């Protein structure tokens, strides 16, 4: 099974983000396939394919990780595009606590999963994927694309602060969700602290 550890912002935080996206995209036709809101999360560690029999062991290891990290505060802030394709909203707040949680969650999966997750240097929530953006010609002046304008509009976005108090272990079924996106299912939920 395909597993990852994540944080889920609470509904009021996601509502705030949804409203900001509506305002930022008003009247614009964008070459973006938006991610399903029920999938909005911040990935803490990605484990890839994990044998079915090892999922409980990973869940137990994550329970220990969660118990060792006190609750901390985050907020969604800013935006960008990874590799010209992935539209994301960033995070701010206690990023040191987030980094500690991520490092410990990655370490918890090292003996269970053959996949080696890269260190995530920028906590983020993926909101969309660029599906067709014209190639830019490199001249002295580069004309901004519709996606560039969206990211610029969201660059100053700052959502409400929330207390991160739960670490999730989630299973992913690529292509099985709404609109051909992934379907996520929470396998375990662990309180922090």
C-alpha atoms as a PDB file:
ATOM      1  CA  UNK A   1       0.000   0.000   0.000  1.00  0.00           C
ATOM      2  CA  UNK A   2       1.116   3.573  -0.735  1.00  0.00           C
ATOM      3  CA  UNK A   3       1.483   5.542   2.516  1.00  0.00           C
ATOM      4  CA  UNK A   4       2.440   9.009   3.711  1.00  0.00           C
ATOM      5  CA  UNK A   5       2.324  11.058   6.921  1.00  0.00           C
ATOM      6  CA  UNK A   6       0.481  14.368   6.816  1.00  0.00           C
ATOM      7  CA  UNK A   7      -1.038  17.324   8.612  1.00  0.00           C
ATOM      8  CA  UNK A   8      -4.548  18.487   7.772  1.00  0.00           C
ATOM      9  CA  UNK A   9      -5.489  22.119   8.391  1.00  0.00           C
ATOM     10  CA  UNK A  10      -8.890  22.521  10.052  1.00  0.00           C
ATOM     11  CA  UNK A  11     -12.009  23.436   8.051  1.00  0.00           C
ATOM     12  CA  UNK A  12     -11.971  27.201   8.860  1.00  0.00           C
ATOM     13  CA  UNK A  13      -8.379  27.433   7.565  1.00  0.00           C
ATOM     14  CA  UNK A  14      -9.315  25.590   4.368  1.00  0.00           C
ATOM     15  CA  UNK A  15     -12.434  27.743   3.938  1.00  0.00           C
ATOM     16  CA  UNK A  16     -10.251  30.851   4.176  1.00  0.00           C
ATOM     17  CA  UNK A  17      -7.901  29.451   1.515  1.00  0.00           C
ATOM     18  CA  UNK A  18     -10.812  28.502  -0.754  1.00  0.00           C
ATOM     19  CA  UNK A  19     -12.165  32.069  -0.578  1.00  0.00           C
ATOM     20  CA  UNK A  20      -8.721  33.486  -1.356  1.00  0.00           C
ATOM     21  CA  UNK A  21      -8.447  31.219  -4.405  1.00  0.00           C
ATOM     22  CA  UNK A  22     -11.903  32.287  -5.603  1.00  0.00           C
ATOM     23  CA  UNK A  23     -10.879  35.942  -5.350  1.00  0.00           C
ATOM     24  CA  UNK A  24      -7.488  35.369  -6.988  1.00  0.00           C
ATOM     25  CA  UNK A  25      -9.007  33.486  -9.924  1.00  0.00           C
ATOM     26  CA  UNK A  26     -12.164  35.571 -10.439  1.00  0.00           C
ATOM     27  CA  UNK A  27     -12.871  35.899 -14.138  1.00  0.00           C
ATOM     28  CA  UNK A  28      -9.620  34.220 -15.169  1.00  0.00           C
ATOM     29  CA  UNK A  29      -9.411  31.158 -17.349  1.00  0.00           C
ATOM     30  CA  UNK A  30      -6.442  29.271 -15.992  1.00  0.00           C
ATOM     31  CA  UNK A  31      -4.704  26.177 -17.345  1.00  0.00           C
ATOM     32  CA  UNK A  32      -4.879  24.587 -13.903  1.00  0.00           C
ATOM     33  CA  UNK A  33      -6.507  21.355 -12.764  1.00  0.00           C
ATOM     34  CA  UNK A  34      -7.416  22.123  -9.160  1.00  0.00           C
ATOM     35  CA  UNK A  35      -6.808  19.470  -6.534  1.00  0.00           C
ATOM     36  CA  UNK A  36      -9.834  18.147  -4.676  1.00  0.00           C
ATOM     37  CA  UNK A  37     -10.303  20.122  -1.468  1.00  0.00           C
ATOM     38  CA  UNK A  38     -10.816  16.934   0.534  1.00  0.00           C
ATOM     39  CA  UNK A  39      -7.195  16.086  -0.354  1.00  0.00           C
ATOM     40  CA  UNK A  40      -5.649  19.353   0.866  1.00  0.00           C
ATOM     41  CA  UNK A  41      -2.861  18.503   3.313  1.00  0.00           C
ATOM     42  CA  UNK A  42       0.775  19.204   4.145  1.00  0.00           C
ATOM     43  CA  UNK A  43       2.942  16.134   3.560  1.00  0.00           C
ATOM     44  CA  UNK A  44       5.224  15.371   6.497  1.00  0.00           C
ATOM     45  CA  UNK A  45       6.875  12.215   5.082  1.00  0.00           C
ATOM     46  CA  UNK A  46       6.233  10.049   2.032  1.00  0.00           C
ATOM     47  CA  UNK A  47       6.858   6.311   2.368  1.00  0.00           C
ATOM     48  CA  UNK A  48       5.822   5.009  -1.044  1.00  0.00           C
ATOM     49  CA  UNK A  49       4.823   1.369  -1.265  1.00  0.00           C
ATOM     50  CA  UNK A  50       4.770  -0.300   2.138  1.00  0.00           C
ATOM     51  CA  UNK A  51       3.936  -4.000   2.589  1.00  0.00           C
ATOM     52  CA  UNK A  52       0.453  -4.481   4.047  1.00  0.00           C
ATOM     53  CA  UNK A  53       1.904  -6.249   7.085  1.00  0.00           C
ATOM     54  CA  UNK A  54       4.172  -3.296   7.899  1.00  0.00           C
ATOM     55  CA  UNK A  55       1.445  -0.625   7.989  1.00  0.00           C
ATOM     56  CA  UNK A  56       0.630  -1.264  11.669  1.00  0.00           C
ATOM     57  CA  UNK A  57       4.332  -1.133  12.551  1.00  0.00           C
ATOM     58  CA  UNK A  58       4.619   2.223  10.780  1.00  0.00           C
ATOM     59  CA  UNK A  59       1.487   3.500  12.546  1.00  0.00           C
ATOM     60  CA  UNK A  60       2.996   2.511  15.911  1.00  0.00           C
ATOM     61  CA  UNK A  61       6.286   4.232  15.056  1.00  0.00           C
ATOM     62  CA  UNK A  62       4.405   7.402  14.089  1.00  0.00           C
ATOM     63  CA  UNK A  63       2.484   7.306  17.379  1.00  0.00           C
ATOM     64  CA  UNK A  64       5.842   7.505  19.189  1.00  0.00           C
ATOM     65  CA  UNK A  65       7.002  10.317  16.898  1.00  0.00           C
ATOM     66  CA  UNK A  66       3.820  12.299  17.514  1.00  0.00           C
ATOM     67  CA  UNK A  67       4.041  11.813  21.277  1.00  0.00           C
ATOM     68  CA  UNK A  68       7.543  13.309  21.246  1.00  0.00           C
ATOM     69  CA  UNK A  69       6.614  16.561  19.474  1.00  0.00           C
ATOM     70  CA  UNK A  70       4.467  19.124  21.297  1.00  0.00           C
ATOM     71  CA  UNK A  71       1.624  20.843  19.425  1.00  0.00           C
ATOM     72  CA  UNK A  72       2.750  23.871  17.408  1.00  0.00           C
ATOM     73  CA  UNK A  73       1.258  26.691  15.351  1.00  0.00           C
ATOM     74  CA  UNK A  74       1.134  27.028  11.572  1.00  0.00           C
ATOM     75  CA  UNK A  75      -0.678  29.171   9.039  1.00  0.00           C
ATOM     76  CA  UNK A  76      -0.907  28.996   5.260  1.00  0.00           C
ATOM     77  CA  UNK A  77       1.083  31.786   3.659  1.00  0.00           C
ATOM     78  CA  UNK A  78       2.346  32.761   0.204  1.00  0.00           C
ATOM     79  CA  UNK A  79       2.303  30.709  -2.982  1.00  0.00           C
ATOM     80  CA  UNK A  80       4.470  29.431  -5.788  1.00  0.00           C
ATOM     81  CA  UNK A  81       4.893  26.915  -8.577  1.00  0.00           C
ATOM     82  CA  UNK A  82       7.264  23.928  -8.434  1.00  0.00           C
ATOM     83  CA  UNK A  83       8.893  23.019 -11.757  1.00  0.00           C
ATOM     84  CA  UNK A  84       6.368  25.122 -13.672  1.00  0.00           C
ATOM     85  CA  UNK A  85       3.706  22.543 -12.914  1.00  0.00           C
ATOM     86  CA  UNK A  86       2.624  22.274  -9.257  1.00  0.00           C
ATOM     87  CA  UNK A  87       0.754  25.271  -7.804  1.00  0.00           C
ATOM     88  CA  UNK A  88       1.160  25.421  -4.027  1.00  0.00           C
ATOM     89  CA  UNK A  89       0.385  27.545  -0.995  1.00  0.00           C
ATOM     90  CA  UNK A  90       3.157  27.691   1.583  1.00  0.00           C
ATOM     91  CA  UNK A  91       3.223  27.488   5.350  1.00  0.00           C
ATOM     92  CA  UNK A  92       4.557  29.799   8.030  1.00  0.00           C
ATOM     93  CA  UNK A  93       4.700  29.708  11.800  1.00  0.00           C
ATOM     94  CA  UNK A  94       6.731  27.266  13.847  1.00  0.00           C
ATOM     95  CA  UNK A  95       8.604  25.762  10.910  1.00  0.00           C
ATOM     96  CA  UNK A  96      11.334  24.419  13.212  1.00  0.00           C
ATOM     97  CA  UNK A  97       8.757  22.201  14.922  1.00  0.00           C
ATOM     98  CA  UNK A  98       7.438  21.169  11.490  1.00  0.00           C
ATOM     99  CA  UNK A  99      10.982  20.271  10.379  1.00  0.00           C
ATOM    100  CA  UNK A 100      11.553  18.251  13.562  1.00  0.00           C
ATOM    101  CA  UNK A 101       8.293  16.366  13.059  1.00  0.00           C
ATOM    102  CA  UNK A 102       9.142  15.681   9.404  1.00  0.00           C
ATOM    103  CA  UNK A 103      12.679  14.441  10.163  1.00  0.00           C
ATOM    104  CA  UNK A 104      11.411  12.091  12.871  1.00  0.00           C
ATOM    105  CA  UNK A 105       8.551  10.826  10.685  1.00  0.00           C
ATOM    106  CA  UNK A 106      10.970  10.121   7.817  1.00  0.00           C
ATOM    107  CA  UNK A 107      13.303   8.282  10.200  1.00  0.00           C
ATOM    108  CA  UNK A 108      10.373   6.218  11.526  1.00  0.00           C
ATOM    109  CA  UNK A 109       9.775   4.841   8.042  1.00  0.00           C
ATOM    110  CA  UNK A 110      13.381   4.045   7.123  1.00  0.00           C
ATOM    111  CA  UNK A 111      13.301   0.466   8.404  1.00  0.00           C
ATOM    112  CA  UNK A 112       9.826  -0.166   6.970  1.00  0.00           C
ATOM    113  CA  UNK A 113       9.870   1.370   3.514  1.00  0.00           C
ATOM    114  CA  UNK A 114      12.530   0.958   0.828  1.00  0.00           C
ATOM    115  CA  UNK A 115      11.561   4.400  -0.500  1.00  0.00           C
ATOM    116  CA  UNK A 116      13.861   7.201   0.641  1.00  0.00           C
ATOM    117  CA  UNK A 117      11.857  10.381   0.990  1.00  0.00           C
ATOM    118  CA  UNK A 118      13.703  13.595   0.260  1.00  0.00           C
ATOM    119  CA  UNK A 119      13.806  16.274   2.899  1.00  0.00           C
ATOM    120  CA  UNK A 120      10.978  18.707   2.249  1.00  0.00           C
ATOM    121  CA  UNK A 121      12.524  22.127   2.579  1.00  0.00           C
ATOM    122  CA  UNK A 122       9.309  24.026   1.945  1.00  0.00           C
ATOM    123  CA  UNK A 123       6.154  22.877   3.707  1.00  0.00           C
ATOM    124  CA  UNK A 124       3.278  23.399   1.315  1.00  0.00           C
ATOM    125  CA  UNK A 125      -0.252  22.467   0.358  1.00  0.00           C
ATOM    126  CA  UNK A 126      -0.746  21.621  -3.332  1.00  0.00           C
ATOM    127  CA  UNK A 127      -3.794  23.400  -4.772  1.00  0.00           C
ATOM    128  CA  UNK A 128      -3.434  22.619  -8.472  1.00  0.00           C
ATOM    129  CA  UNK A 129      -1.469  21.263 -11.404  1.00  0.00           C
ATOM    130  CA  UNK A 130      -0.729  23.262 -14.533  1.00  0.00           C
ATOM    131  CA  UNK A 131      -2.157  21.306 -17.474  1.00  0.00           C
ATOM    132  CA  UNK A 132      -1.176  23.423 -20.463  1.00  0.00           C
ATOM    133  CA  UNK A 133       0.922  26.533 -20.214  1.00  0.00           C
ATOM    134  CA  UNK A 134       2.502  27.955 -23.367  1.00  0.00           C
ATOM    135  CA  UNK A 135       6.260  27.657 -23.525  1.00  0.00           C
ATOM    136  CA  UNK A 136       8.053  30.902 -22.946  1.00  0.00           C
ATOM    137  CA  UNK A 137      10.533  32.294 -25.340  1.00  0.00           C
ATOM    138  CA  UNK A 138      13.605  33.630 -23.623  1.00  0.00           C
ATOM    139  CA  UNK A 139      13.958  37.249 -24.637  1.00  0.00           C
ATOM    140  CA  UNK A 140      14.953  40.322 -22.723  1.00  0.00           C
ATOM    141  CA  UNK A 141      11.415  40.589 -21.377  1.00  0.00           C
ATOM    142  CA  UNK A 142       9.373  37.591 -20.347  1.00  0.00           C
ATOM    143  CA  UNK A 143       5.606  38.004 -20.544  1.00  0.00           C
ATOM    144  CA  UNK A 144       3.920  36.668 -17.410  1.00  0.00           C
ATOM    145  CA  UNK A 145       1.565  33.738 -17.919  1.00  0.00           C
ATOM    146  CA  UNK A 146      -1.859  33.315 -16.311  1.00  0.00           C
ATOM    147  CA  UNK A 147      -0.329  31.005 -13.697  1.00  0.00           C
ATOM    148  CA  UNK A 148       2.376  33.592 -12.925  1.00  0.00           C
ATOM    149  CA  UNK A 149      -0.345  36.169 -12.334  1.00  0.00           C
ATOM    150  CA  UNK A 150      -2.212  33.776 -10.022  1.00  0.00           C
ATOM    151  CA  UNK A 151       0.923  33.093  -7.973  1.00  0.00           C
ATOM    152  CA  UNK A 152       1.653  36.817  -7.836  1.00  0.00           C
ATOM    153  CA  UNK A 153      -1.886  37.459  -6.563  1.00  0.00           C
ATOM    154  CA  UNK A 154      -1.437  34.804  -3.845  1.00  0.00           C
ATOM    155  CA  UNK A 155       2.121  35.818  -2.899  1.00  0.00           C
ATOM    156  CA  UNK A 156       0.864  37.963  -0.031  1.00  0.00           C
ATOM    157  CA  UNK A 157      -1.801  35.490   1.077  1.00  0.00           C
ATOM    158  CA  UNK A 158      -1.817  34.772   4.788  1.00  0.00           C
ATOM    159  CA  UNK A 159      -4.398  32.506   6.354  1.00  0.00           C
ATOM    160  CA  UNK A 160      -5.461  32.111   9.965  1.00  0.00           C
ATOM    161  CA  UNK A 161      -3.182  30.388  12.468  1.00  0.00           C
ATOM    162  CA  UNK A 162      -4.119  26.966  13.779  1.00  0.00           C
ATOM    163  CA  UNK A 163      -2.623  24.605  16.329  1.00  0.00           C
ATOM    164  CA  UNK A 164      -1.179  21.465  14.771  1.00  0.00           C
ATOM    165  CA  UNK A 165      -2.074  18.748  17.237  1.00  0.00           C
ATOM    166  CA  UNK A 166      -2.486  15.598  15.111  1.00  0.00           C
ATOM    167  CA  UNK A 167      -0.219  13.563  12.834  1.00  0.00           C
ATOM    168  CA  UNK A 168      -1.969  11.359  10.279  1.00  0.00           C
ATOM    169  CA  UNK A 169      -0.877   8.221   8.449  1.00  0.00           C
ATOM    170  CA  UNK A 170      -2.698   8.200   5.126  1.00  0.00           C
ATOM    171  CA  UNK A 171      -3.063   5.735   2.282  1.00  0.00           C
ATOM    172  CA  UNK A 172      -3.158   6.931  -1.316  1.00  0.00           C
ATOM    173  CA  UNK A 173      -4.808   5.363  -4.344  1.00  0.00           C
ATOM    174  CA  UNK A 174      -3.538   7.323  -7.378  1.00  0.00           C
ATOM    175  CA  UNK A 175      -6.248   7.967  -9.967  1.00  0.00           C
ATOM    176  CA  UNK A 176      -9.082   6.605  -7.795  1.00  0.00           C
ATOM    177  CA  UNK A 177     -10.372   9.948  -6.519  1.00  0.00           C
ATOM    178  CA  UNK A 178     -12.620  12.672  -7.850  1.00  0.00           C
ATOM    179  CA  UNK A 179     -11.723  13.808 -11.369  1.00  0.00           C
ATOM    180  CA  UNK A 180      -9.058  11.132 -11.740  1.00  0.00           C
ATOM    181  CA  UNK A 181      -6.991  12.514  -8.858  1.00  0.00           C
ATOM    182  CA  UNK A 182      -5.804  10.476  -5.905  1.00  0.00           C
ATOM    183  CA  UNK A 183      -8.080   9.109  -3.219  1.00  0.00           C
ATOM    184  CA  UNK A 184      -6.736   9.418   0.354  1.00  0.00           C
ATOM    185  CA  UNK A 185      -7.845   7.422   3.381  1.00  0.00           C
ATOM    186  CA  UNK A 186      -6.688   8.025   6.954  1.00  0.00           C
ATOM    187  CA  UNK A 187      -5.194   4.811   8.354  1.00  0.00           C
ATOM    188  CA  UNK A 188      -4.140   6.218  11.758  1.00  0.00           C
ATOM    189  CA  UNK A 189      -4.400   9.484  13.674  1.00  0.00           C
ATOM    190  CA  UNK A 190      -1.939  10.363  16.456  1.00  0.00           C
ATOM    191  CA  UNK A 191      -2.116  13.324  18.872  1.00  0.00           C
ATOM    192  CA  UNK A 192       1.028  15.415  19.269  1.00  0.00           C
ATOM    193  CA  UNK A 193       2.657  15.850  22.669  1.00  0.00           C
END
